[in-house]
PDB file of N, CA and C in Angstrom:
ATOM      1  N   UNK A   1      39.288  70.169  43.113  1.00  0.00           N
ATOM      2  CA  UNK A   1      39.180  71.299  44.037  1.00  0.00           C
ATOM      3  C   UNK A   1      37.772  71.598  44.487  1.00  0.00           C
ATOM      4  N   UNK A   2      37.576  71.827  45.813  1.00  0.00           N
ATOM      5  CA  UNK A   2      36.274  72.129  46.344  1.00  0.00           C
ATOM      6  C   UNK A   2      35.772  73.502  45.784  1.00  0.00           C
ATOM      7  N   UNK A   3      34.377  73.612  45.885  1.00  0.00           N
ATOM      8  CA  UNK A   3      33.799  74.782  45.460  1.00  0.00           C
ATOM      9  C   UNK A   3      34.347  76.039  46.372  1.00  0.00           C
ATOM     10  N   UNK A   4      34.437  75.814  47.770  1.00  0.00           N
ATOM     11  CA  UNK A   4      34.920  76.949  48.475  1.00  0.00           C
ATOM     12  C   UNK A   4      36.320  77.276  47.992  1.00  0.00           C
ATOM     13  N   UNK A   5      37.143  76.345  47.690  1.00  0.00           N
ATOM     14  CA  UNK A   5      38.463  76.616  47.252  1.00  0.00           C
ATOM     15  C   UNK A   5      38.416  77.418  45.937  1.00  0.00           C
ATOM     16  N   UNK A   6      37.694  77.084  45.086  1.00  0.00           N
ATOM     17  CA  UNK A   6      37.539  77.821  43.744  1.00  0.00           C
ATOM     18  C   UNK A   6      37.007  79.266  43.965  1.00  0.00           C
ATOM     19  N   UNK A   7      36.040  79.372  44.914  1.00  0.00           N
ATOM     20  CA  UNK A   7      35.544  80.711  45.161  1.00  0.00           C
ATOM     21  C   UNK A   7      36.619  81.552  45.792  1.00  0.00           C
ATOM     22  N   UNK A   8      37.388  81.038  46.699  1.00  0.00           N
ATOM     23  CA  UNK A   8      38.511  81.721  47.299  1.00  0.00           C
ATOM     24  C   UNK A   8      39.520  82.236  46.186  1.00  0.00           C
ATOM     25  N   UNK A   9      39.688  81.391  45.193  1.00  0.00           N
ATOM     26  CA  UNK A   9      40.547  81.843  44.129  1.00  0.00           C
ATOM     27  C   UNK A   9      39.849  82.933  43.387  1.00  0.00           C
ATOM     28  N   UNK A  10      38.553  82.905  43.131  1.00  0.00           N
ATOM     29  CA  UNK A  10      37.929  83.839  42.287  1.00  0.00           C
ATOM     30  C   UNK A  10      37.855  85.187  43.134  1.00  0.00           C
ATOM     31  N   UNK A  11      37.727  85.066  44.428  1.00  0.00           N
ATOM     32  CA  UNK A  11      37.701  86.281  45.181  1.00  0.00           C
ATOM     33  C   UNK A  11      39.064  87.026  45.054  1.00  0.00           C
ATOM     34  N   UNK A  12      40.122  86.278  45.051  1.00  0.00           N
ATOM     35  CA  UNK A  12      41.517  86.914  44.948  1.00  0.00           C
ATOM     36  C   UNK A  12      41.626  87.454  43.452  1.00  0.00           C
ATOM     37  N   UNK A  13      41.185  86.773  42.491  1.00  0.00           N
ATOM     38  CA  UNK A  13      41.276  87.425  41.146  1.00  0.00           C
ATOM     39  C   UNK A  13      40.382  88.648  41.035  1.00  0.00           C
ATOM     40  N   UNK A  14      39.343  88.741  41.837  1.00  0.00           N
ATOM     41  CA  UNK A  14      38.434  89.882  41.836  1.00  0.00           C
ATOM     42  C   UNK A  14      39.221  91.023  42.555  1.00  0.00           C
ATOM     43  N   UNK A  15      39.792  90.774  43.598  1.00  0.00           N
ATOM     44  CA  UNK A  15      40.564  91.715  44.419  1.00  0.00           C
ATOM     45  C   UNK A  15      41.712  92.370  43.621  1.00  0.00           C
ATOM     46  N   UNK A  16      42.437  91.513  42.955  1.00  0.00           N
ATOM     47  CA  UNK A  16      43.520  91.945  42.049  1.00  0.00           C
ATOM     48  C   UNK A  16      42.998  92.773  40.961  1.00  0.00           C
ATOM     49  N   UNK A  17      41.962  92.365  40.342  1.00  0.00           N
ATOM     50  CA  UNK A  17      41.451  93.013  39.138  1.00  0.00           C
ATOM     51  C   UNK A  17      40.919  94.464  39.568  1.00  0.00           C
ATOM     52  N   UNK A  18      40.225  94.601  40.700  1.00  0.00           N
ATOM     53  CA  UNK A  18      39.747  95.843  41.233  1.00  0.00           C
ATOM     54  C   UNK A  18      40.886  96.770  41.579  1.00  0.00           C
ATOM     55  N   UNK A  19      41.919  96.216  42.236  1.00  0.00           N
ATOM     56  CA  UNK A  19      43.054  96.999  42.622  1.00  0.00           C
ATOM     57  C   UNK A  19      43.813  97.528  41.414  1.00  0.00           C
ATOM     58  N   UNK A  20      43.930  96.841  40.347  1.00  0.00           N
ATOM     59  CA  UNK A  20      44.665  97.186  39.170  1.00  0.00           C
ATOM     60  C   UNK A  20      43.829  97.941  38.115  1.00  0.00           C
ATOM     61  N   UNK A  21      42.531  97.948  38.458  1.00  0.00           N
ATOM     62  CA  UNK A  21      41.548  98.561  37.460  1.00  0.00           C
ATOM     63  C   UNK A  21      41.520  97.838  36.136  1.00  0.00           C
ATOM     64  N   UNK A  22      41.661  96.509  36.240  1.00  0.00           N
ATOM     65  CA  UNK A  22      41.832  95.599  35.013  1.00  0.00           C
ATOM     66  C   UNK A  22      40.235  95.235  34.494  1.00  0.00           C
ATOM     67  N   UNK A  23      39.793  96.112  33.623  1.00  0.00           N
ATOM     68  CA  UNK A  23      38.453  96.002  33.190  1.00  0.00           C
ATOM     69  C   UNK A  23      38.187  94.734  32.457  1.00  0.00           C
ATOM     70  N   UNK A  24      39.163  94.123  31.705  1.00  0.00           N
ATOM     71  CA  UNK A  24      39.031  92.876  30.978  1.00  0.00           C
ATOM     72  C   UNK A  24      38.893  91.783  31.907  1.00  0.00           C
ATOM     73  N   UNK A  25      39.646  91.775  32.951  1.00  0.00           N
ATOM     74  CA  UNK A  25      39.459  90.653  34.005  1.00  0.00           C
ATOM     75  C   UNK A  25      38.123  90.778  34.735  1.00  0.00           C
ATOM     76  N   UNK A  26      37.756  92.085  35.014  1.00  0.00           N
ATOM     77  CA  UNK A  26      36.432  92.282  35.627  1.00  0.00           C
ATOM     78  C   UNK A  26      35.354  91.843  34.765  1.00  0.00           C
ATOM     79  N   UNK A  27      35.397  91.994  33.510  1.00  0.00           N
ATOM     80  CA  UNK A  27      34.400  91.745  32.506  1.00  0.00           C
ATOM     81  C   UNK A  27      34.239  90.103  32.532  1.00  0.00           C
ATOM     82  N   UNK A  28      35.238  89.374  32.782  1.00  0.00           N
ATOM     83  CA  UNK A  28      35.124  87.940  32.841  1.00  0.00           C
ATOM     84  C   UNK A  28      34.537  87.543  34.151  1.00  0.00           C
ATOM     85  N   UNK A  29      35.019  88.228  35.286  1.00  0.00           N
ATOM     86  CA  UNK A  29      34.630  87.721  36.669  1.00  0.00           C
ATOM     87  C   UNK A  29      33.192  88.135  37.012  1.00  0.00           C
ATOM     88  N   UNK A  30      32.630  89.150  36.262  1.00  0.00           N
ATOM     89  CA  UNK A  30      31.279  89.695  36.684  1.00  0.00           C
ATOM     90  C   UNK A  30      30.241  89.057  35.682  1.00  0.00           C
ATOM     91  N   UNK A  31      29.315  88.342  36.198  1.00  0.00           N
ATOM     92  CA  UNK A  31      28.251  87.855  35.317  1.00  0.00           C
ATOM     93  C   UNK A  31      27.496  89.060  34.600  1.00  0.00           C
ATOM     94  N   UNK A  32      27.058  88.816  33.339  1.00  0.00           N
ATOM     95  CA  UNK A  32      26.394  89.781  32.679  1.00  0.00           C
ATOM     96  C   UNK A  32      25.146  90.472  33.302  1.00  0.00           C
ATOM     97  N   UNK A  33      24.537  89.571  34.199  1.00  0.00           N
ATOM     98  CA  UNK A  33      23.337  90.117  34.924  1.00  0.00           C
ATOM     99  C   UNK A  33      23.579  90.393  36.443  1.00  0.00           C
ATOM    100  N   UNK A  34      24.887  90.671  36.757  1.00  0.00           N
ATOM    101  CA  UNK A  34      25.269  90.951  38.167  1.00  0.00           C
ATOM    102  C   UNK A  34      24.495  92.110  38.602  1.00  0.00           C
ATOM    103  N   UNK A  35      24.106  92.025  40.002  1.00  0.00           N
ATOM    104  CA  UNK A  35      23.511  93.238  40.641  1.00  0.00           C
ATOM    105  C   UNK A  35      24.355  93.572  41.810  1.00  0.00           C
ATOM    106  N   UNK A  36      24.668  94.835  41.912  1.00  0.00           N
ATOM    107  CA  UNK A  36      25.330  95.405  43.049  1.00  0.00           C
ATOM    108  C   UNK A  36      24.503  96.272  43.894  1.00  0.00           C
ATOM    109  N   UNK A  37      24.567  96.205  45.138  1.00  0.00           N
ATOM    110  CA  UNK A  37      23.865  97.166  46.148  1.00  0.00           C
ATOM    111  C   UNK A  37      24.979  97.660  46.935  1.00  0.00           C
ATOM    112  N   UNK A  38      25.205  98.994  46.759  1.00  0.00           N
ATOM    113  CA  UNK A  38      26.382  99.610  47.576  1.00  0.00           C
ATOM    114  C   UNK A  38      25.837  99.901  48.917  1.00  0.00           C
ATOM    115  N   UNK A  39      26.829 100.472  49.747  1.00  0.00           N
ATOM    116  CA  UNK A  39      26.558 100.725  51.121  1.00  0.00           C
ATOM    117  C   UNK A  39      25.529 101.851  51.316  1.00  0.00           C
ATOM    118  N   UNK A  40      25.211 102.634  50.300  1.00  0.00           N
ATOM    119  CA  UNK A  40      24.117 103.649  50.379  1.00  0.00           C
ATOM    120  C   UNK A  40      22.872 103.165  49.835  1.00  0.00           C
ATOM    121  N   UNK A  41      22.797 101.815  49.502  1.00  0.00           N
ATOM    122  CA  UNK A  41      21.547 101.254  48.910  1.00  0.00           C
ATOM    123  C   UNK A  41      21.338 101.511  47.506  1.00  0.00           C
ATOM    124  N   UNK A  42      22.352 102.058  46.708  1.00  0.00           N
ATOM    125  CA  UNK A  42      22.171 102.231  45.327  1.00  0.00           C
ATOM    126  C   UNK A  42      22.513 100.974  44.591  1.00  0.00           C
ATOM    127  N   UNK A  43      21.456 100.711  43.633  1.00  0.00           N
ATOM    128  CA  UNK A  43      21.637  99.539  42.911  1.00  0.00           C
ATOM    129  C   UNK A  43      22.266  99.637  41.515  1.00  0.00           C
ATOM    130  N   UNK A  44      23.301  98.880  41.171  1.00  0.00           N
ATOM    131  CA  UNK A  44      24.109  98.979  40.019  1.00  0.00           C
ATOM    132  C   UNK A  44      24.170  97.689  39.273  1.00  0.00           C
ATOM    133  N   UNK A  45      24.588  97.755  37.909  1.00  0.00           N
ATOM    134  CA  UNK A  45      24.767  96.629  37.172  1.00  0.00           C
ATOM    135  C   UNK A  45      26.260  96.490  36.718  1.00  0.00           C
ATOM    136  N   UNK A  46      26.508  95.643  35.822  1.00  0.00           N
ATOM    137  CA  UNK A  46      27.876  95.355  35.277  1.00  0.00           C
ATOM    138  C   UNK A  46      28.410  96.608  34.540  1.00  0.00           C
ATOM    139  N   UNK A  47      27.526  97.172  33.770  1.00  0.00           N
ATOM    140  CA  UNK A  47      27.998  98.352  33.021  1.00  0.00           C
ATOM    141  C   UNK A  47      28.339  99.540  33.881  1.00  0.00           C
ATOM    142  N   UNK A  48      27.615  99.741  35.003  1.00  0.00           N
ATOM    143  CA  UNK A  48      27.999 100.660  36.021  1.00  0.00           C
ATOM    144  C   UNK A  48      29.342 100.366  36.574  1.00  0.00           C
ATOM    145  N   UNK A  49      29.492  99.167  36.990  1.00  0.00           N
ATOM    146  CA  UNK A  49      30.746  98.837  37.705  1.00  0.00           C
ATOM    147  C   UNK A  49      31.923  99.064  36.721  1.00  0.00           C
ATOM    148  N   UNK A  50      31.904  98.458  35.543  1.00  0.00           N
ATOM    149  CA  UNK A  50      32.972  98.564  34.639  1.00  0.00           C
ATOM    150  C   UNK A  50      33.270 100.056  34.158  1.00  0.00           C
ATOM    151  N   UNK A  51      32.223 100.820  34.117  1.00  0.00           N
ATOM    152  CA  UNK A  51      32.268 102.246  33.764  1.00  0.00           C
ATOM    153  C   UNK A  51      33.090 103.054  34.767  1.00  0.00           C
ATOM    154  N   UNK A  52      32.911 102.665  36.113  1.00  0.00           N
ATOM    155  CA  UNK A  52      33.645 103.389  37.126  1.00  0.00           C
ATOM    156  C   UNK A  52      35.132 103.099  36.894  1.00  0.00           C
ATOM    157  N   UNK A  53      35.470 101.892  36.619  1.00  0.00           N
ATOM    158  CA  UNK A  53      36.856 101.598  36.375  1.00  0.00           C
ATOM    159  C   UNK A  53      37.445 102.129  35.140  1.00  0.00           C
ATOM    160  N   UNK A  54      36.683 102.068  34.031  1.00  0.00           N
ATOM    161  CA  UNK A  54      37.131 102.602  32.666  1.00  0.00           C
ATOM    162  C   UNK A  54      37.390 104.124  32.797  1.00  0.00           C
ATOM    163  N   UNK A  55      36.461 104.785  33.395  1.00  0.00           N
ATOM    164  CA  UNK A  55      36.488 106.276  33.374  1.00  0.00           C
ATOM    165  C   UNK A  55      37.501 106.866  34.523  1.00  0.00           C
ATOM    166  N   UNK A  56      37.944 105.932  35.515  1.00  0.00           N
ATOM    167  CA  UNK A  56      38.803 106.549  36.395  1.00  0.00           C
ATOM    168  C   UNK A  56      38.085 107.030  37.542  1.00  0.00           C
ATOM    169  N   UNK A  57      36.766 106.913  37.553  1.00  0.00           N
ATOM    170  CA  UNK A  57      35.960 107.514  38.696  1.00  0.00           C
ATOM    171  C   UNK A  57      36.247 106.653  40.034  1.00  0.00           C
ATOM    172  N   UNK A  58      36.859 105.463  39.836  1.00  0.00           N
ATOM    173  CA  UNK A  58      37.066 104.620  40.937  1.00  0.00           C
ATOM    174  C   UNK A  58      38.535 104.167  40.831  1.00  0.00           C
ATOM    175  N   UNK A  59      39.456 104.531  41.735  1.00  0.00           N
ATOM    176  CA  UNK A  59      40.748 103.994  41.800  1.00  0.00           C
ATOM    177  C   UNK A  59      41.070 103.605  43.121  1.00  0.00           C
ATOM    178  N   UNK A  60      41.487 102.257  43.259  1.00  0.00           N
ATOM    179  CA  UNK A  60      41.756 101.717  44.599  1.00  0.00           C
ATOM    180  C   UNK A  60      43.261 101.717  44.858  1.00  0.00           C
ATOM    181  N   UNK A  61      43.466 102.087  46.131  1.00  0.00           N
ATOM    182  CA  UNK A  61      44.934 102.163  46.514  1.00  0.00           C
ATOM    183  C   UNK A  61      45.161 100.909  47.403  1.00  0.00           C
ATOM    184  N   UNK A  62      44.166 100.467  48.132  1.00  0.00           N
ATOM    185  CA  UNK A  62      44.299  99.282  49.050  1.00  0.00           C
ATOM    186  C   UNK A  62      43.011  98.595  49.122  1.00  0.00           C
ATOM    187  N   UNK A  63      43.004  97.240  48.993  1.00  0.00           N
ATOM    188  CA  UNK A  63      41.830  96.453  49.097  1.00  0.00           C
ATOM    189  C   UNK A  63      42.202  95.182  49.737  1.00  0.00           C
ATOM    190  N   UNK A  64      41.899  95.062  51.060  1.00  0.00           N
ATOM    191  CA  UNK A  64      42.226  93.892  51.806  1.00  0.00           C
ATOM    192  C   UNK A  64      41.056  93.044  52.221  1.00  0.00           C
ATOM    193  N   UNK A  65      41.024  91.732  51.820  1.00  0.00           N
ATOM    194  CA  UNK A  65      39.939  90.918  52.172  1.00  0.00           C
ATOM    195  C   UNK A  65      40.294  90.202  53.477  1.00  0.00           C
ATOM    196  N   UNK A  66      39.332  90.122  54.479  1.00  0.00           N
ATOM    197  CA  UNK A  66      39.559  89.359  55.741  1.00  0.00           C
ATOM    198  C   UNK A  66      38.289  88.506  56.027  1.00  0.00           C
ATOM    199  N   UNK A  67      38.454  87.613  56.890  1.00  0.00           N
ATOM    200  CA  UNK A  67      37.316  86.796  57.449  1.00  0.00           C
ATOM    201  C   UNK A  67      36.425  86.342  56.379  1.00  0.00           C
ATOM    202  N   UNK A  68      36.981  85.760  55.394  1.00  0.00           N
ATOM    203  CA  UNK A  68      36.292  85.202  54.189  1.00  0.00           C
ATOM    204  C   UNK A  68      35.584  83.896  54.706  1.00  0.00           C
ATOM    205  N   UNK A  69      34.276  83.799  54.475  1.00  0.00           N
ATOM    206  CA  UNK A  69      33.574  82.619  54.783  1.00  0.00           C
ATOM    207  C   UNK A  69      32.715  82.259  53.480  1.00  0.00           C
ATOM    208  N   UNK A  70      32.947  81.070  53.080  1.00  0.00           N
ATOM    209  CA  UNK A  70      32.228  80.610  51.761  1.00  0.00           C
ATOM    210  C   UNK A  70      31.600  79.344  52.077  1.00  0.00           C
ATOM    211  N   UNK A  71      30.303  79.355  51.488  1.00  0.00           N
ATOM    212  CA  UNK A  71      29.581  78.170  51.644  1.00  0.00           C
ATOM    213  C   UNK A  71      28.954  77.816  50.322  1.00  0.00           C
ATOM    214  N   UNK A  72      29.190  76.607  49.794  1.00  0.00           N
ATOM    215  CA  UNK A  72      28.666  76.099  48.697  1.00  0.00           C
ATOM    216  C   UNK A  72      27.107  75.817  48.761  1.00  0.00           C
ATOM    217  N   UNK A  73      26.279  76.424  47.951  1.00  0.00           N
ATOM    218  CA  UNK A  73      24.941  76.052  47.948  1.00  0.00           C
ATOM    219  C   UNK A  73      24.597  74.861  47.202  1.00  0.00           C
ATOM    220  N   UNK A  74      25.272  74.580  46.094  1.00  0.00           N
ATOM    221  CA  UNK A  74      25.314  73.475  45.304  1.00  0.00           C
ATOM    222  C   UNK A  74      26.511  73.474  44.442  1.00  0.00           C
ATOM    223  N   UNK A  75      26.692  72.633  43.443  1.00  0.00           N
ATOM    224  CA  UNK A  75      27.859  72.540  42.678  1.00  0.00           C
ATOM    225  C   UNK A  75      28.105  73.768  41.837  1.00  0.00           C
ATOM    226  N   UNK A  76      27.096  74.626  41.613  1.00  0.00           N
ATOM    227  CA  UNK A  76      27.301  75.641  40.665  1.00  0.00           C
ATOM    228  C   UNK A  76      26.999  77.024  41.391  1.00  0.00           C
ATOM    229  N   UNK A  77      26.703  77.099  42.643  1.00  0.00           N
ATOM    230  CA  UNK A  77      26.423  78.356  43.328  1.00  0.00           C
ATOM    231  C   UNK A  77      26.959  78.399  44.682  1.00  0.00           C
ATOM    232  N   UNK A  78      27.603  79.539  45.027  1.00  0.00           N
ATOM    233  CA  UNK A  78      28.098  79.717  46.379  1.00  0.00           C
ATOM    234  C   UNK A  78      27.835  81.109  46.941  1.00  0.00           C
ATOM    235  N   UNK A  79      27.786  81.153  48.343  1.00  0.00           N
ATOM    236  CA  UNK A  79      27.584  82.374  48.996  1.00  0.00           C
ATOM    237  C   UNK A  79      28.913  82.709  49.737  1.00  0.00           C
ATOM    238  N   UNK A  80      29.211  83.887  49.771  1.00  0.00           N
ATOM    239  CA  UNK A  80      30.439  84.353  50.393  1.00  0.00           C
ATOM    240  C   UNK A  80      30.168  85.591  51.226  1.00  0.00           C
ATOM    241  N   UNK A  81      30.714  85.730  52.435  1.00  0.00           N
ATOM    242  CA  UNK A  81      30.644  86.913  53.150  1.00  0.00           C
ATOM    243  C   UNK A  81      32.114  87.244  53.662  1.00  0.00           C
ATOM    244  N   UNK A  82      32.440  88.492  53.685  1.00  0.00           N
ATOM    245  CA  UNK A  82      33.858  88.904  54.072  1.00  0.00           C
ATOM    246  C   UNK A  82      33.879  90.287  54.582  1.00  0.00           C
ATOM    247  N   UNK A  83      34.862  90.596  55.252  1.00  0.00           N
ATOM    248  CA  UNK A  83      35.251  91.935  55.619  1.00  0.00           C
ATOM    249  C   UNK A  83      36.145  92.559  54.684  1.00  0.00           C
ATOM    250  N   UNK A  84      36.064  93.796  54.315  1.00  0.00           N
ATOM    251  CA  UNK A  84      36.954  94.459  53.473  1.00  0.00           C
ATOM    252  C   UNK A  84      37.476  95.800  53.992  1.00  0.00           C
ATOM    253  N   UNK A  85      38.814  95.966  53.950  1.00  0.00           N
ATOM    254  CA  UNK A  85      39.364  97.273  54.223  1.00  0.00           C
ATOM    255  C   UNK A  85      39.750  97.909  52.956  1.00  0.00           C
ATOM    256  N   UNK A  86      39.294  99.063  52.658  1.00  0.00           N
ATOM    257  CA  UNK A  86      39.515  99.696  51.353  1.00  0.00           C
ATOM    258  C   UNK A  86      39.996 101.181  51.482  1.00  0.00           C
ATOM    259  N   UNK A  87      40.879 101.562  50.576  1.00  0.00           N
ATOM    260  CA  UNK A  87      41.350 102.968  50.458  1.00  0.00           C
ATOM    261  C   UNK A  87      41.342 103.263  48.986  1.00  0.00           C
ATOM    262  N   UNK A  88      41.019 104.507  48.571  1.00  0.00           N
ATOM    263  CA  UNK A  88      41.199 104.865  47.156  1.00  0.00           C
ATOM    264  C   UNK A  88      40.603 106.163  46.975  1.00  0.00           C
ATOM    265  N   UNK A  89      40.341 106.431  45.723  1.00  0.00           N
ATOM    266  CA  UNK A  89      39.651 107.668  45.332  1.00  0.00           C
ATOM    267  C   UNK A  89      38.404 107.277  44.530  1.00  0.00           C
ATOM    268  N   UNK A  90      37.284 107.865  44.907  1.00  0.00           N
ATOM    269  CA  UNK A  90      35.920 107.815  44.214  1.00  0.00           C
ATOM    270  C   UNK A  90      35.439 109.209  43.838  1.00  0.00           C
ATOM    271  N   UNK A  91      35.183 109.370  42.643  1.00  0.00           N
ATOM    272  CA  UNK A  91      34.643 110.720  42.183  1.00  0.00           C
ATOM    273  C   UNK A  91      35.583 111.812  42.546  1.00  0.00           C
ATOM    274  N   UNK A  92      36.918 111.599  42.518  1.00  0.00           N
ATOM    275  CA  UNK A  92      37.855 112.634  42.851  1.00  0.00           C
ATOM    276  C   UNK A  92      38.077 112.786  44.408  1.00  0.00           C
ATOM    277  N   UNK A  93      37.461 112.099  45.259  1.00  0.00           N
ATOM    278  CA  UNK A  93      37.595 112.229  46.681  1.00  0.00           C
ATOM    279  C   UNK A  93      38.299 111.100  47.258  1.00  0.00           C
ATOM    280  N   UNK A  94      39.291 111.287  48.142  1.00  0.00           N
ATOM    281  CA  UNK A  94      39.898 110.159  48.883  1.00  0.00           C
ATOM    282  C   UNK A  94      38.956 109.524  49.880  1.00  0.00           C
ATOM    283  N   UNK A  95      39.062 108.170  50.019  1.00  0.00           N
ATOM    284  CA  UNK A  95      38.122 107.618  51.074  1.00  0.00           C
ATOM    285  C   UNK A  95      38.929 106.456  51.674  1.00  0.00           C
ATOM    286  N   UNK A  96      38.545 106.036  52.830  1.00  0.00           N
ATOM    287  CA  UNK A  96      38.999 104.892  53.641  1.00  0.00           C
ATOM    288  C   UNK A  96      37.800 104.300  54.250  1.00  0.00           C
ATOM    289  N   UNK A  97      37.618 103.005  54.071  1.00  0.00           N
ATOM    290  CA  UNK A  97      36.333 102.452  54.668  1.00  0.00           C
ATOM    291  C   UNK A  97      36.607 100.935  55.124  1.00  0.00           C
ATOM    292  N   UNK A  98      35.833 100.623  56.051  1.00  0.00           N
ATOM    293  CA  UNK A  98      35.719  99.085  56.483  1.00  0.00           C
ATOM    294  C   UNK A  98      34.337  98.741  56.114  1.00  0.00           C
ATOM    295  N   UNK A  99      34.163  97.656  55.355  1.00  0.00           N
ATOM    296  CA  UNK A  99      32.889  97.153  54.893  1.00  0.00           C
ATOM    297  C   UNK A  99      32.672  95.717  55.108  1.00  0.00           C
ATOM    298  N   UNK A 100      31.540  95.259  55.157  1.00  0.00           N
ATOM    299  CA  UNK A 100      31.138  93.922  55.077  1.00  0.00           C
ATOM    300  C   UNK A 100      30.363  93.650  53.706  1.00  0.00           C
ATOM    301  N   UNK A 101      30.748  92.575  53.058  1.00  0.00           N
ATOM    302  CA  UNK A 101      30.205  92.290  51.835  1.00  0.00           C
ATOM    303  C   UNK A 101      29.599  90.891  51.965  1.00  0.00           C
ATOM    304  N   UNK A 102      28.392  90.713  51.254  1.00  0.00           N
ATOM    305  CA  UNK A 102      27.943  89.391  51.037  1.00  0.00           C
ATOM    306  C   UNK A 102      27.736  89.286  49.475  1.00  0.00           C
ATOM    307  N   UNK A 103      28.199  88.095  48.963  1.00  0.00           N
ATOM    308  CA  UNK A 103      28.225  87.987  47.531  1.00  0.00           C
ATOM    309  C   UNK A 103      27.725  86.604  47.078  1.00  0.00           C
ATOM    310  N   UNK A 104      27.207  86.504  45.970  1.00  0.00           N
ATOM    311  CA  UNK A 104      26.672  85.226  45.379  1.00  0.00           C
ATOM    312  C   UNK A 104      27.550  85.030  44.133  1.00  0.00           C
ATOM    313  N   UNK A 105      28.173  83.850  44.134  1.00  0.00           N
ATOM    314  CA  UNK A 105      28.925  83.449  42.855  1.00  0.00           C
ATOM    315  C   UNK A 105      28.227  82.257  42.194  1.00  0.00           C
ATOM    316  N   UNK A 106      28.380  82.329  40.923  1.00  0.00           N
ATOM    317  CA  UNK A 106      27.540  81.312  40.046  1.00  0.00           C
ATOM    318  C   UNK A 106      28.586  80.689  38.949  1.00  0.00           C
ATOM    319  N   UNK A 107      28.637  79.413  38.761  1.00  0.00           N
ATOM    320  CA  UNK A 107      29.383  78.851  37.787  1.00  0.00           C
ATOM    321  C   UNK A 107      28.772  78.993  36.400  1.00  0.00           C
ATOM    322  N   UNK A 108      29.435  79.646  35.441  1.00  0.00           N
ATOM    323  CA  UNK A 108      28.770  79.883  34.153  1.00  0.00           C
ATOM    324  C   UNK A 108      29.881  79.432  33.044  1.00  0.00           C
ATOM    325  N   UNK A 109      29.509  79.837  31.837  1.00  0.00           N
ATOM    326  CA  UNK A 109      30.351  79.346  30.698  1.00  0.00           C
ATOM    327  C   UNK A 109      31.676  80.039  30.793  1.00  0.00           C
ATOM    328  N   UNK A 110      31.860  81.088  31.444  1.00  0.00           N
ATOM    329  CA  UNK A 110      33.228  81.706  31.602  1.00  0.00           C
ATOM    330  C   UNK A 110      33.904  81.345  32.920  1.00  0.00           C
ATOM    331  N   UNK A 111      33.357  80.389  33.681  1.00  0.00           N
ATOM    332  CA  UNK A 111      33.868  80.031  34.980  1.00  0.00           C
ATOM    333  C   UNK A 111      33.096  80.647  36.043  1.00  0.00           C
ATOM    334  N   UNK A 112      33.707  80.756  37.250  1.00  0.00           N
ATOM    335  CA  UNK A 112      33.000  81.283  38.446  1.00  0.00           C
ATOM    336  C   UNK A 112      32.814  82.794  38.222  1.00  0.00           C
ATOM    337  N   UNK A 113      31.622  83.283  38.246  1.00  0.00           N
ATOM    338  CA  UNK A 113      31.238  84.670  38.143  1.00  0.00           C
ATOM    339  C   UNK A 113      30.504  85.216  39.334  1.00  0.00           C
ATOM    340  N   UNK A 114      30.684  86.568  39.689  1.00  0.00           N
ATOM    341  CA  UNK A 114      30.041  87.179  40.653  1.00  0.00           C
ATOM    342  C   UNK A 114      28.565  87.528  40.049  1.00  0.00           C
ATOM    343  N   UNK A 115      27.557  87.114  40.718  1.00  0.00           N
ATOM    344  CA  UNK A 115      26.181  87.249  40.255  1.00  0.00           C
ATOM    345  C   UNK A 115      25.454  88.420  41.063  1.00  0.00           C
ATOM    346  N   UNK A 116      25.897  88.640  42.408  1.00  0.00           N
ATOM    347  CA  UNK A 116      25.320  89.550  43.176  1.00  0.00           C
ATOM    348  C   UNK A 116      26.178  89.967  44.329  1.00  0.00           C
ATOM    349  N   UNK A 117      26.197  91.240  44.677  1.00  0.00           N
ATOM    350  CA  UNK A 117      26.978  91.693  45.741  1.00  0.00           C
ATOM    351  C   UNK A 117      26.216  92.873  46.540  1.00  0.00           C
ATOM    352  N   UNK A 118      26.363  92.828  47.899  1.00  0.00           N
ATOM    353  CA  UNK A 118      25.811  93.875  48.652  1.00  0.00           C
ATOM    354  C   UNK A 118      26.893  94.301  49.690  1.00  0.00           C
ATOM    355  N   UNK A 119      27.023  95.488  49.933  1.00  0.00           N
ATOM    356  CA  UNK A 119      28.081  96.023  50.898  1.00  0.00           C
ATOM    357  C   UNK A 119      27.383  96.891  51.902  1.00  0.00           C
ATOM    358  N   UNK A 120      28.028  96.862  53.230  1.00  0.00           N
ATOM    359  CA  UNK A 120      27.576  97.726  54.257  1.00  0.00           C
ATOM    360  C   UNK A 120      28.782  98.309  54.904  1.00  0.00           C
ATOM    361  N   UNK A 121      28.777  99.533  55.324  1.00  0.00           N
ATOM    362  CA  UNK A 121      29.832 100.155  56.129  1.00  0.00           C
ATOM    363  C   UNK A 121      29.803  99.515  57.563  1.00  0.00           C
ATOM    364  N   UNK A 122      31.034  99.260  58.113  1.00  0.00           N
ATOM    365  CA  UNK A 122      31.129  98.868  59.463  1.00  0.00           C
ATOM    366  C   UNK A 122      32.094  99.678  60.219  1.00  0.00           C
ATOM    367  N   UNK A 123      32.092  99.677  61.587  1.00  0.00           N
ATOM    368  CA  UNK A 123      32.986 100.359  62.358  1.00  0.00           C
ATOM    369  C   UNK A 123      34.388  99.727  62.432  1.00  0.00           C
TER     370      UNK A 123
END
């Protein structure tokens, strides 16, 4: 299976894990040194991300991935960008957003893991 096909599968596992709040699956999918930059420019790490799901501070109702483009950088690294339509509750407030994500995936001992992600709000 090609690197882009493997990343596409990993993206779907990530989407399902976020939607269901599956912290165990997220723990496997997120590299220990993952760096997140959210749409407000806030930098976070794996513990921040898992904590939002564990505490219930983030609950997703809808998470649709569109226009996924994946480029293998080498046999162990890939870049992905996609459009995301999301609805849910964050910090007790409902939200609905359209975002653009760029993500870096890296092949590690646990398989393909997200190593970096950046999101921006779009119209």
